[in-house]
Amino acid sequence: MTVTLTRELEQYVRDKVREGAFATPSEYIRNLVRDRYLAERDQAAKLKALDAALARGIADADAGRVVPVAEAFARIRAQLADDDTGPQERESS
């Protein structure tokens, strides 16, 4: 594989190699591509998990397993209040 860079980008890569973080320009480019690949793979996995969670939620709603919004928010507020009072505050109460 051959990669062609502008003069400015080529100089940037050479500067990074000269700084000592990478032994060769190829190593630097490989690292950039690997980082991008891993980031995109992780994002795809997160989107897949989100899609699955949404599908479960829709299935629950279709099956009638729902909670009125006021009750749901009350539960969330109660949970947040419990989280705000750490172990020290609970012990001193």
PDB file of N, CA and C in Angstrom:
ATOM      1  N   MET A   1       0.856  -1.178   0.000  1.00  0.00           N
ATOM      2  CA  MET A   1       0.000   0.000   0.000  1.00  0.00           C
ATOM      3  C   MET A   1       0.895   1.232   0.000  1.00  0.00           C
ATOM      4  N   THR A   2       0.511   2.167  -0.789  1.00  0.00           N
ATOM      5  CA  THR A   2       1.233   3.430  -0.846  1.00  0.00           C
ATOM      6  C   THR A   2       0.291   4.538  -0.408  1.00  0.00           C
ATOM      7  N   VAL A   3       0.797   5.416   0.437  1.00  0.00           N
ATOM      8  CA  VAL A   3       0.005   6.548   0.908  1.00  0.00           C
ATOM      9  C   VAL A   3       0.713   7.819   0.463  1.00  0.00           C
ATOM     10  N   THR A   4      -0.035   8.694  -0.162  1.00  0.00           N
ATOM     11  CA  THR A   4       0.524   9.965  -0.608  1.00  0.00           C
ATOM     12  C   THR A   4      -0.024  11.072   0.281  1.00  0.00           C
ATOM     13  N   LEU A   5       0.884  11.871   0.806  1.00  0.00           N
ATOM     14  CA  LEU A   5       0.503  12.972   1.689  1.00  0.00           C
ATOM     15  C   LEU A   5       0.920  14.299   1.063  1.00  0.00           C
ATOM     16  N   THR A   6       0.259  15.348   1.475  1.00  0.00           N
ATOM     17  CA  THR A   6       0.713  16.678   1.078  1.00  0.00           C
ATOM     18  C   THR A   6       2.059  16.935   1.747  1.00  0.00           C
ATOM     19  N   ARG A   7       2.777  17.918   1.273  1.00  0.00           N
ATOM     20  CA  ARG A   7       4.079  18.246   1.889  1.00  0.00           C
ATOM     21  C   ARG A   7       3.909  18.583   3.365  1.00  0.00           C
ATOM     22  N   GLU A   8       2.869  19.328   3.654  1.00  0.00           N
ATOM     23  CA  GLU A   8       2.632  19.739   5.046  1.00  0.00           C
ATOM     24  C   GLU A   8       2.378  18.526   5.943  1.00  0.00           C
ATOM     25  N   LEU A   9       1.541  17.600   5.481  1.00  0.00           N
ATOM     26  CA  LEU A   9       1.265  16.411   6.290  1.00  0.00           C
ATOM     27  C   LEU A   9       2.489  15.501   6.390  1.00  0.00           C
ATOM     28  N   GLU A  10       3.224  15.391   5.300  1.00  0.00           N
ATOM     29  CA  GLU A  10       4.440  14.583   5.333  1.00  0.00           C
ATOM     30  C   GLU A  10       5.423  15.141   6.363  1.00  0.00           C
ATOM     31  N   GLN A  11       5.571  16.466   6.375  1.00  0.00           N
ATOM     32  CA  GLN A  11       6.471  17.088   7.349  1.00  0.00           C
ATOM     33  C   GLN A  11       5.975  16.842   8.770  1.00  0.00           C
ATOM     34  N   TYR A  12       4.665  16.914   8.959  1.00  0.00           N
ATOM     35  CA  TYR A  12       4.080  16.657  10.278  1.00  0.00           C
ATOM     36  C   TYR A  12       4.431  15.250  10.751  1.00  0.00           C
ATOM     37  N   VAL A  13       4.278  14.262   9.878  1.00  0.00           N
ATOM     38  CA  VAL A  13       4.599  12.873  10.235  1.00  0.00           C
ATOM     39  C   VAL A  13       6.083  12.755  10.552  1.00  0.00           C
ATOM     40  N   ARG A  14       6.920  13.345   9.728  1.00  0.00           N
ATOM     41  CA  ARG A  14       8.372  13.276   9.983  1.00  0.00           C
ATOM     42  C   ARG A  14       8.734  13.937  11.320  1.00  0.00           C
ATOM     43  N   ASP A  15       8.066  15.031  11.646  1.00  0.00           N
ATOM     44  CA  ASP A  15       8.300  15.684  12.941  1.00  0.00           C
ATOM     45  C   ASP A  15       7.914  14.772  14.095  1.00  0.00           C
ATOM     46  N   LYS A  16       6.805  14.067  13.956  1.00  0.00           N
ATOM     47  CA  LYS A  16       6.375  13.149  15.018  1.00  0.00           C
ATOM     48  C   LYS A  16       7.383  12.031  15.206  1.00  0.00           C
ATOM     49  N   VAL A  17       7.912  11.518  14.112  1.00  0.00           N
ATOM     50  CA  VAL A  17       8.927  10.466  14.205  1.00  0.00           C
ATOM     51  C   VAL A  17      10.191  11.026  14.849  1.00  0.00           C
ATOM     52  N   ARG A  18      10.570  12.229  14.451  1.00  0.00           N
ATOM     53  CA  ARG A  18      11.765  12.862  15.005  1.00  0.00           C
ATOM     54  C   ARG A  18      11.621  13.097  16.517  1.00  0.00           C
ATOM     55  N   GLU A  19      10.397  13.369  16.978  1.00  0.00           N
ATOM     56  CA  GLU A  19      10.159  13.569  18.414  1.00  0.00           C
ATOM     57  C   GLU A  19      10.417  12.293  19.202  1.00  0.00           C
ATOM     58  N   GLY A  20      10.455  11.168  18.510  1.00  0.00           N
ATOM     59  CA  GLY A  20      10.841   9.929  19.166  1.00  0.00           C
ATOM     60  C   GLY A  20       9.713   9.010  19.587  1.00  0.00           C
ATOM     61  N   ALA A  21       8.475   9.389  19.384  1.00  0.00           N
ATOM     62  CA  ALA A  21       7.377   8.529  19.805  1.00  0.00           C
ATOM     63  C   ALA A  21       7.217   7.314  18.880  1.00  0.00           C
ATOM     64  N   PHE A  22       7.695   7.440  17.653  1.00  0.00           N
ATOM     65  CA  PHE A  22       7.561   6.372  16.674  1.00  0.00           C
ATOM     66  C   PHE A  22       8.890   6.193  15.949  1.00  0.00           C
ATOM     67  N   ALA A  23       9.193   4.952  15.580  1.00  0.00           N
ATOM     68  CA  ALA A  23      10.468   4.656  14.938  1.00  0.00           C
ATOM     69  C   ALA A  23      10.483   5.045  13.461  1.00  0.00           C
ATOM     70  N   THR A  24       9.324   4.920  12.806  1.00  0.00           N
ATOM     71  CA  THR A  24       9.260   5.193  11.369  1.00  0.00           C
ATOM     72  C   THR A  24       7.947   5.886  11.030  1.00  0.00           C
ATOM     73  N   PRO A  25       7.896   6.533   9.881  1.00  0.00           N
ATOM     74  CA  PRO A  25       6.623   7.102   9.440  1.00  0.00           C
ATOM     75  C   PRO A  25       5.541   6.035   9.297  1.00  0.00           C
ATOM     76  N   SER A  26       5.913   4.859   8.817  1.00  0.00           N
ATOM     77  CA  SER A  26       4.935   3.771   8.670  1.00  0.00           C
ATOM     78  C   SER A  26       4.324   3.386  10.014  1.00  0.00           C
ATOM     79  N   GLU A  27       5.163   3.334  11.032  1.00  0.00           N
ATOM     80  CA  GLU A  27       4.667   2.990  12.371  1.00  0.00           C
ATOM     81  C   GLU A  27       3.658   4.042  12.852  1.00  0.00           C
ATOM     82  N   TYR A  28       3.955   5.313  12.594  1.00  0.00           N
ATOM     83  CA  TYR A  28       3.053   6.387  12.997  1.00  0.00           C
ATOM     84  C   TYR A  28       1.713   6.287  12.259  1.00  0.00           C
ATOM     85  N   ILE A  29       1.763   6.088  10.948  1.00  0.00           N
ATOM     86  CA  ILE A  29       0.535   5.966  10.156  1.00  0.00           C
ATOM     87  C   ILE A  29      -0.260   4.739  10.598  1.00  0.00           C
ATOM     88  N   ARG A  30       0.421   3.623  10.825  1.00  0.00           N
ATOM     89  CA  ARG A  30      -0.243   2.400  11.297  1.00  0.00           C
ATOM     90  C   ARG A  30      -0.966   2.651  12.617  1.00  0.00           C
ATOM     91  N   ASN A  31      -0.313   3.376  13.516  1.00  0.00           N
ATOM     92  CA  ASN A  31      -0.919   3.696  14.808  1.00  0.00           C
ATOM     93  C   ASN A  31      -2.180   4.544  14.634  1.00  0.00           C
ATOM     94  N   LEU A  32      -2.127   5.533  13.747  1.00  0.00           N
ATOM     95  CA  LEU A  32      -3.300   6.375  13.493  1.00  0.00           C
ATOM     96  C   LEU A  32      -4.461   5.551  12.941  1.00  0.00           C
ATOM     97  N   VAL A  33      -4.164   4.690  11.981  1.00  0.00           N
ATOM     98  CA  VAL A  33      -5.219   3.866  11.376  1.00  0.00           C
ATOM     99  C   VAL A  33      -5.792   2.909  12.420  1.00  0.00           C
ATOM    100  N   ARG A  34      -4.938   2.301  13.234  1.00  0.00           N
ATOM    101  CA  ARG A  34      -5.406   1.368  14.274  1.00  0.00           C
ATOM    102  C   ARG A  34      -6.304   2.091  15.286  1.00  0.00           C
ATOM    103  N   ASP A  35      -5.885   3.296  15.710  1.00  0.00           N
ATOM    104  CA  ASP A  35      -6.708   4.056  16.655  1.00  0.00           C
ATOM    105  C   ASP A  35      -8.071   4.377  16.064  1.00  0.00           C
ATOM    106  N   ARG A  36      -8.091   4.772  14.804  1.00  0.00           N
ATOM    107  CA  ARG A  36      -9.361   5.094  14.137  1.00  0.00           C
ATOM    108  C   ARG A  36     -10.238   3.852  14.010  1.00  0.00           C
ATOM    109  N   TYR A  37      -9.621   2.736  13.634  1.00  0.00           N
ATOM    110  CA  TYR A  37     -10.342   1.469  13.510  1.00  0.00           C
ATOM    111  C   TYR A  37     -10.974   1.069  14.841  1.00  0.00           C
ATOM    112  N   LEU A  38     -10.197   1.118  15.912  1.00  0.00           N
ATOM    113  CA  LEU A  38     -10.709   0.733  17.230  1.00  0.00           C
ATOM    114  C   LEU A  38     -11.826   1.664  17.687  1.00  0.00           C
ATOM    115  N   ALA A  39     -11.677   2.959  17.440  1.00  0.00           N
ATOM    116  CA  ALA A  39     -12.716   3.915  17.830  1.00  0.00           C
ATOM    117  C   ALA A  39     -14.016   3.638  17.076  1.00  0.00           C
ATOM    118  N   GLU A  40     -13.919   3.379  15.786  1.00  0.00           N
ATOM    119  CA  GLU A  40     -15.120   3.086  14.998  1.00  0.00           C
ATOM    120  C   GLU A  40     -15.746   1.754  15.413  1.00  0.00           C
ATOM    121  N   ARG A  41     -14.916   0.776  15.728  1.00  0.00           N
ATOM    122  CA  ARG A  41     -15.428  -0.520  16.188  1.00  0.00           C
ATOM    123  C   ARG A  41     -16.159  -0.372  17.519  1.00  0.00           C
ATOM    124  N   ASP A  42     -15.578   0.419  18.430  1.00  0.00           N
ATOM    125  CA  ASP A  42     -16.220   0.643  19.726  1.00  0.00           C
ATOM    126  C   ASP A  42     -17.537   1.396  19.564  1.00  0.00           C
ATOM    127  N   GLN A  43     -17.551   2.383  18.688  1.00  0.00           N
ATOM    128  CA  GLN A  43     -18.782   3.133  18.446  1.00  0.00           C
ATOM    129  C   GLN A  43     -19.863   2.229  17.865  1.00  0.00           C
ATOM    130  N   ALA A  44     -19.486   1.345  16.954  1.00  0.00           N
ATOM    131  CA  ALA A  44     -20.451   0.414  16.366  1.00  0.00           C
ATOM    132  C   ALA A  44     -21.017  -0.523  17.435  1.00  0.00           C
ATOM    133  N   ALA A  45     -20.174  -0.979  18.346  1.00  0.00           N
ATOM    134  CA  ALA A  45     -20.635  -1.852  19.428  1.00  0.00           C
ATOM    135  C   ALA A  45     -21.601  -1.118  20.348  1.00  0.00           C
ATOM    136  N   LYS A  46     -21.306   0.142  20.645  1.00  0.00           N
ATOM    137  CA  LYS A  46     -22.198   0.935  21.497  1.00  0.00           C
ATOM    138  C   LYS A  46     -23.542   1.167  20.815  1.00  0.00           C
ATOM    139  N   LEU A  47     -23.516   1.435  19.512  1.00  0.00           N
ATOM    140  CA  LEU A  47     -24.770   1.620  18.784  1.00  0.00           C
ATOM    141  C   LEU A  47     -25.583   0.333  18.736  1.00  0.00           C
ATOM    142  N   LYS A  48     -24.903  -0.790  18.600  1.00  0.00           N
ATOM    143  CA  LYS A  48     -25.590  -2.082  18.595  1.00  0.00           C
ATOM    144  C   LYS A  48     -26.257  -2.335  19.950  1.00  0.00           C
ATOM    145  N   ALA A  49     -25.549  -2.026  21.034  1.00  0.00           N
ATOM    146  CA  ALA A  49     -26.109  -2.193  22.374  1.00  0.00           C
ATOM    147  C   ALA A  49     -27.292  -1.251  22.587  1.00  0.00           C
ATOM    148  N   LEU A  50     -27.192  -0.038  22.087  1.00  0.00           N
ATOM    149  CA  LEU A  50     -28.292   0.926  22.199  1.00  0.00           C
ATOM    150  C   LEU A  50     -29.501   0.443  21.419  1.00  0.00           C
ATOM    151  N   ASP A  51     -29.282  -0.058  20.210  1.00  0.00           N
ATOM    152  CA  ASP A  51     -30.384  -0.601  19.411  1.00  0.00           C
ATOM    153  C   ASP A  51     -31.069  -1.748  20.142  1.00  0.00           C
ATOM    154  N   ALA A  52     -30.283  -2.618  20.774  1.00  0.00           N
ATOM    155  CA  ALA A  52     -30.855  -3.747  21.510  1.00  0.00           C
ATOM    156  C   ALA A  52     -31.670  -3.257  22.701  1.00  0.00           C
ATOM    157  N   ALA A  53     -31.159  -2.253  23.413  1.00  0.00           N
ATOM    158  CA  ALA A  53     -31.891  -1.708  24.559  1.00  0.00           C
ATOM    159  C   ALA A  53     -33.195  -1.060  24.106  1.00  0.00           C
ATOM    160  N   LEU A  54     -33.140  -0.345  23.003  1.00  0.00           N
ATOM    161  CA  LEU A  54     -34.368   0.267  22.468  1.00  0.00           C
ATOM    162  C   LEU A  54     -35.376  -0.803  22.058  1.00  0.00           C
ATOM    163  N   ALA A  55     -34.898  -1.864  21.436  1.00  0.00           N
ATOM    164  CA  ALA A  55     -35.795  -2.948  21.022  1.00  0.00           C
ATOM    165  C   ALA A  55     -36.447  -3.593  22.242  1.00  0.00           C
ATOM    166  N   ARG A  56     -35.664  -3.783  23.320  1.00  0.00           N
ATOM    167  CA  ARG A  56     -36.248  -4.350  24.555  1.00  0.00           C
ATOM    168  C   ARG A  56     -37.298  -3.411  25.129  1.00  0.00           C
ATOM    169  N   GLY A  57     -37.013  -2.110  25.117  1.00  0.00           N
ATOM    170  CA  GLY A  57     -37.963  -1.131  25.631  1.00  0.00           C
ATOM    171  C   GLY A  57     -39.242  -1.101  24.818  1.00  0.00           C
ATOM    172  N   ILE A  58     -39.116  -1.162  23.515  1.00  0.00           N
ATOM    173  CA  ILE A  58     -40.300  -1.171  22.652  1.00  0.00           C
ATOM    174  C   ILE A  58     -41.106  -2.443  22.878  1.00  0.00           C
ATOM    175  N   ALA A  59     -40.412  -3.559  23.016  1.00  0.00           N
ATOM    176  CA  ALA A  59     -41.107  -4.822  23.276  1.00  0.00           C
ATOM    177  C   ALA A  59     -41.845  -4.769  24.613  1.00  0.00           C
ATOM    178  N   ASP A  60     -41.219  -4.195  25.627  1.00  0.00           N
ATOM    179  CA  ASP A  60     -41.882  -4.050  26.930  1.00  0.00           C
ATOM    180  C   ASP A  60     -43.123  -3.172  26.804  1.00  0.00           C
ATOM    181  N   ALA A  61     -43.006  -2.077  26.081  1.00  0.00           N
ATOM    182  CA  ALA A  61     -44.152  -1.182  25.905  1.00  0.00           C
ATOM    183  C   ALA A  61     -45.269  -1.885  25.146  1.00  0.00           C
ATOM    184  N   ASP A  62     -44.908  -2.609  24.093  1.00  0.00           N
ATOM    185  CA  ASP A  62     -45.911  -3.349  23.320  1.00  0.00           C
ATOM    186  C   ASP A  62     -46.609  -4.404  24.162  1.00  0.00           C
ATOM    187  N   ALA A  63     -45.888  -4.960  25.138  1.00  0.00           N
ATOM    188  CA  ALA A  63     -46.459  -5.997  26.003  1.00  0.00           C
ATOM    189  C   ALA A  63     -47.204  -5.396  27.192  1.00  0.00           C
ATOM    190  N   GLY A  64     -47.228  -4.072  27.285  1.00  0.00           N
ATOM    191  CA  GLY A  64     -47.954  -3.428  28.373  1.00  0.00           C
ATOM    192  C   GLY A  64     -47.144  -3.273  29.644  1.00  0.00           C
ATOM    193  N   ARG A  65     -45.865  -3.595  29.590  1.00  0.00           N
ATOM    194  CA  ARG A  65     -45.009  -3.445  30.773  1.00  0.00           C
ATOM    195  C   ARG A  65     -44.482  -2.010  30.787  1.00  0.00           C
ATOM    196  N   VAL A  66     -45.303  -1.104  31.279  1.00  0.00           N
ATOM    197  CA  VAL A  66     -44.957   0.317  31.294  1.00  0.00           C
ATOM    198  C   VAL A  66     -45.228   0.892  32.680  1.00  0.00           C
ATOM    199  N   VAL A  67     -44.637   2.042  32.937  1.00  0.00           N
ATOM    200  CA  VAL A  67     -44.824   2.764  34.192  1.00  0.00           C
ATOM    201  C   VAL A  67     -45.228   4.183  33.800  1.00  0.00           C
ATOM    202  N   PRO A  68     -46.238   4.738  34.441  1.00  0.00           N
ATOM    203  CA  PRO A  68     -46.594   6.130  34.136  1.00  0.00           C
ATOM    204  C   PRO A  68     -45.391   7.044  34.330  1.00  0.00           C
ATOM    205  N   VAL A  69     -45.281   8.049  33.490  1.00  0.00           N
ATOM    206  CA  VAL A  69     -44.107   8.914  33.495  1.00  0.00           C
ATOM    207  C   VAL A  69     -43.895   9.587  34.852  1.00  0.00           C
ATOM    208  N   ALA A  70     -44.948  10.000  35.519  1.00  0.00           N
ATOM    209  CA  ALA A  70     -44.797  10.650  36.831  1.00  0.00           C
ATOM    210  C   ALA A  70     -44.180   9.679  37.831  1.00  0.00           C
ATOM    211  N   GLU A  71     -44.601   8.435  37.785  1.00  0.00           N
ATOM    212  CA  GLU A  71     -44.040   7.419  38.691  1.00  0.00           C
ATOM    213  C   GLU A  71     -42.572   7.139  38.347  1.00  0.00           C
ATOM    214  N   ALA A  72     -42.279   7.076  37.054  1.00  0.00           N
ATOM    215  CA  ALA A  72     -40.896   6.819  36.634  1.00  0.00           C
ATOM    216  C   ALA A  72     -39.973   7.931  37.129  1.00  0.00           C
ATOM    217  N   PHE A  73     -40.403   9.188  36.960  1.00  0.00           N
ATOM    218  CA  PHE A  73     -39.576  10.301  37.427  1.00  0.00           C
ATOM    219  C   PHE A  73     -39.470  10.312  38.950  1.00  0.00           C
ATOM    220  N   ALA A  74     -40.514   9.944  39.640  1.00  0.00           N
ATOM    221  CA  ALA A  74     -40.448   9.871  41.105  1.00  0.00           C
ATOM    222  C   ALA A  74     -39.417   8.828  41.533  1.00  0.00           C
ATOM    223  N   ARG A  75     -39.396   7.694  40.845  1.00  0.00           N
ATOM    224  CA  ARG A  75     -38.401   6.654  41.158  1.00  0.00           C
ATOM    225  C   ARG A  75     -36.981   7.161  40.890  1.00  0.00           C
ATOM    226  N   ILE A  76     -36.815   7.859  39.775  1.00  0.00           N
ATOM    227  CA  ILE A  76     -35.490   8.381  39.429  1.00  0.00           C
ATOM    228  C   ILE A  76     -35.046   9.405  40.461  1.00  0.00           C
ATOM    229  N   ARG A  77     -35.949  10.319  40.842  1.00  0.00           N
ATOM    230  CA  ARG A  77     -35.600  11.323  41.857  1.00  0.00           C
ATOM    231  C   ARG A  77     -35.226  10.671  43.179  1.00  0.00           C
ATOM    232  N   ALA A  78     -35.971   9.639  43.571  1.00  0.00           N
ATOM    233  CA  ALA A  78     -35.671   8.939  44.820  1.00  0.00           C
ATOM    234  C   ALA A  78     -34.299   8.275  44.738  1.00  0.00           C
ATOM    235  N   GLN A  79     -34.008   7.656  43.599  1.00  0.00           N
ATOM    236  CA  GLN A  79     -32.704   7.013  43.420  1.00  0.00           C
ATOM    237  C   GLN A  79     -31.584   8.042  43.460  1.00  0.00           C
ATOM    238  N   LEU A  80     -31.782   9.170  42.806  1.00  0.00           N
ATOM    239  CA  LEU A  80     -30.766  10.217  42.819  1.00  0.00           C
ATOM    240  C   LEU A  80     -30.566  10.776  44.224  1.00  0.00           C
ATOM    241  N   ALA A  81     -31.641  10.916  44.970  1.00  0.00           N
ATOM    242  CA  ALA A  81     -31.532  11.401  46.350  1.00  0.00           C
ATOM    243  C   ALA A  81     -30.740  10.409  47.188  1.00  0.00           C
ATOM    244  N   ASP A  82     -30.981   9.109  46.988  1.00  0.00           N
ATOM    245  CA  ASP A  82     -30.218   8.082  47.710  1.00  0.00           C
ATOM    246  C   ASP A  82     -28.744   8.142  47.330  1.00  0.00           C
ATOM    247  N   ASP A  83     -28.464   8.385  46.055  1.00  0.00           N
ATOM    248  CA  ASP A  83     -27.079   8.450  45.593  1.00  0.00           C
ATOM    249  C   ASP A  83     -26.373   9.682  46.149  1.00  0.00           C
ATOM    250  N   ASP A  84     -27.118  10.786  46.332  1.00  0.00           N
ATOM    251  CA  ASP A  84     -26.522  12.019  46.845  1.00  0.00           C
ATOM    252  C   ASP A  84     -26.132  11.889  48.310  1.00  0.00           C
ATOM    253  N   THR A  85     -26.856  11.093  49.055  1.00  0.00           N
ATOM    254  CA  THR A  85     -26.522  10.893  50.458  1.00  0.00           C
ATOM    255  C   THR A  85     -25.599   9.690  50.539  1.00  0.00           C
ATOM    256  N   GLY A  86     -24.329   9.987  50.647  1.00  0.00           N
ATOM    257  CA  GLY A  86     -23.332   8.919  50.722  1.00  0.00           C
ATOM    258  C   GLY A  86     -23.397   8.206  52.044  1.00  0.00           C
ATOM    259  N   PRO A  87     -22.552   7.211  52.236  1.00  0.00           N
ATOM    260  CA  PRO A  87     -22.558   6.429  53.483  1.00  0.00           C
ATOM    261  C   PRO A  87     -22.360   7.282  54.722  1.00  0.00           C
ATOM    262  N   GLN A  88     -21.515   8.332  54.655  1.00  0.00           N
ATOM    263  CA  GLN A  88     -21.269   9.166  55.829  1.00  0.00           C
ATOM    264  C   GLN A  88     -22.538   9.921  56.220  1.00  0.00           C
ATOM    265  N   GLU A  89     -23.249  10.472  55.235  1.00  0.00           N
ATOM    266  CA  GLU A  89     -24.464  11.231  55.549  1.00  0.00           C
ATOM    267  C   GLU A  89     -25.540  10.304  56.089  1.00  0.00           C
ATOM    268  N   ARG A  90     -25.636   9.089  55.565  1.00  0.00           N
ATOM    269  CA  ARG A  90     -26.642   8.155  56.028  1.00  0.00           C
ATOM    270  C   ARG A  90     -26.354   7.725  57.465  1.00  0.00           C
ATOM    271  N   GLU A  91     -25.057   7.524  57.796  1.00  0.00           N
ATOM    272  CA  GLU A  91     -24.710   7.079  59.144  1.00  0.00           C
ATOM    273  C   GLU A  91     -24.975   8.149  60.179  1.00  0.00           C
ATOM    274  N   SER A  92     -24.798   9.414  59.806  1.00  0.00           N
ATOM    275  CA  SER A  92     -24.984  10.485  60.770  1.00  0.00           C
ATOM    276  C   SER A  92     -26.460  10.869  60.936  1.00  0.00           C
ATOM    277  N   SER A  93     -27.326  10.353  60.074  1.00  0.00           N
ATOM    278  CA  SER A  93     -28.749  10.698  60.158  1.00  0.00           C
ATOM    279  C   SER A  93     -29.423   9.956  61.273  1.00  0.00           C
TER     280      SER A  93
END
